[in-house]
């Protein structure tokens, strides 16, 4: 998890998982490549107060 702070206020949040994620063990379908490592972007959020300021 990564929080972005501006003037000691939380302006944004990201959640990125490096490596196997238990949520992906059962999926409808299959990965095209099961051997290479991957990174999954789960969430990206920005406060309305900072939208459009290109801070994340």
C-alpha atoms as a PDB file:
ATOM      1  CA  UNK A   1       0.000   0.000   0.000  1.00  0.00           C
ATOM      2  CA  UNK A   2       1.141   3.484  -0.767  1.00  0.00           C
ATOM      3  CA  UNK A   3      -0.374   6.700   0.517  1.00  0.00           C
ATOM      4  CA  UNK A   4       0.395  10.042  -1.093  1.00  0.00           C
ATOM      5  CA  UNK A   5       0.403  12.972   1.317  1.00  0.00           C
ATOM      6  CA  UNK A   6       0.139  16.661   0.485  1.00  0.00           C
ATOM      7  CA  UNK A   7       0.449  19.147   3.336  1.00  0.00           C
ATOM      8  CA  UNK A   8       0.041  16.248   5.804  1.00  0.00           C
ATOM      9  CA  UNK A   9      -3.333  15.216   4.278  1.00  0.00           C
ATOM     10  CA  UNK A  10      -3.873  11.919   2.484  1.00  0.00           C
ATOM     11  CA  UNK A  11      -4.358  12.865  -1.162  1.00  0.00           C
ATOM     12  CA  UNK A  12      -4.256   9.420  -2.747  1.00  0.00           C
ATOM     13  CA  UNK A  13      -3.872   5.692  -2.224  1.00  0.00           C
ATOM     14  CA  UNK A  14      -2.619   2.781  -4.322  1.00  0.00           C
ATOM     15  CA  UNK A  15      -2.576  -0.952  -3.600  1.00  0.00           C
ATOM     16  CA  UNK A  16      -0.168  -3.018  -5.693  1.00  0.00           C
ATOM     17  CA  UNK A  17       0.580  -6.701  -5.101  1.00  0.00           C
ATOM     18  CA  UNK A  18       3.946  -8.111  -6.162  1.00  0.00           C
ATOM     19  CA  UNK A  19       3.787 -11.853  -6.747  1.00  0.00           C
ATOM     20  CA  UNK A  20       1.089 -14.459  -6.253  1.00  0.00           C
ATOM     21  CA  UNK A  21      -2.236 -13.148  -5.005  1.00  0.00           C
ATOM     22  CA  UNK A  22      -4.560 -15.634  -3.266  1.00  0.00           C
ATOM     23  CA  UNK A  23      -7.557 -13.979  -4.958  1.00  0.00           C
ATOM     24  CA  UNK A  24      -6.283 -15.168  -8.343  1.00  0.00           C
ATOM     25  CA  UNK A  25      -5.892 -18.857  -7.456  1.00  0.00           C
ATOM     26  CA  UNK A  26      -9.440 -19.505  -8.674  1.00  0.00           C
ATOM     27  CA  UNK A  27     -10.317 -17.531 -11.780  1.00  0.00           C
ATOM     28  CA  UNK A  28     -12.703 -18.199 -14.651  1.00  0.00           C
ATOM     29  CA  UNK A  29     -10.175 -18.943 -17.367  1.00  0.00           C
ATOM     30  CA  UNK A  30      -6.394 -19.124 -17.113  1.00  0.00           C
ATOM     31  CA  UNK A  31      -3.319 -16.940 -17.237  1.00  0.00           C
ATOM     32  CA  UNK A  32      -1.573 -16.857 -20.593  1.00  0.00           C
ATOM     33  CA  UNK A  33       1.729 -17.343 -18.787  1.00  0.00           C
ATOM     34  CA  UNK A  34       1.915 -19.055 -15.380  1.00  0.00           C
ATOM     35  CA  UNK A  35       5.723 -18.926 -15.125  1.00  0.00           C
ATOM     36  CA  UNK A  36       6.682 -15.234 -15.209  1.00  0.00           C
ATOM     37  CA  UNK A  37       6.288 -13.032 -12.118  1.00  0.00           C
ATOM     38  CA  UNK A  38       3.622 -10.352 -12.222  1.00  0.00           C
ATOM     39  CA  UNK A  39       2.382  -7.277 -10.386  1.00  0.00           C
ATOM     40  CA  UNK A  40      -1.346  -6.632  -9.906  1.00  0.00           C
ATOM     41  CA  UNK A  41      -2.762  -3.135  -9.476  1.00  0.00           C
ATOM     42  CA  UNK A  42      -5.752  -3.511  -7.171  1.00  0.00           C
ATOM     43  CA  UNK A  43      -6.772   0.025  -6.303  1.00  0.00           C
ATOM     44  CA  UNK A  44      -5.928   3.578  -7.223  1.00  0.00           C
ATOM     45  CA  UNK A  45      -7.845   6.343  -5.448  1.00  0.00           C
ATOM     46  CA  UNK A  46      -7.463  10.103  -5.321  1.00  0.00           C
ATOM     47  CA  UNK A  47      -9.243  12.629  -3.133  1.00  0.00           C
ATOM     48  CA  UNK A  48     -11.603  15.003  -4.968  1.00  0.00           C
ATOM     49  CA  UNK A  49      -9.622  17.840  -3.420  1.00  0.00           C
ATOM     50  CA  UNK A  50      -6.502  16.822  -5.405  1.00  0.00           C
ATOM     51  CA  UNK A  51      -8.048  15.504  -8.631  1.00  0.00           C
ATOM     52  CA  UNK A  52      -6.303  16.726 -11.787  1.00  0.00           C
ATOM     53  CA  UNK A  53      -3.106  17.782  -9.989  1.00  0.00           C
ATOM     54  CA  UNK A  54      -1.013  14.816 -11.286  1.00  0.00           C
ATOM     55  CA  UNK A  55       0.329  13.873  -7.861  1.00  0.00           C
ATOM     56  CA  UNK A  56       0.131  10.061  -7.996  1.00  0.00           C
END
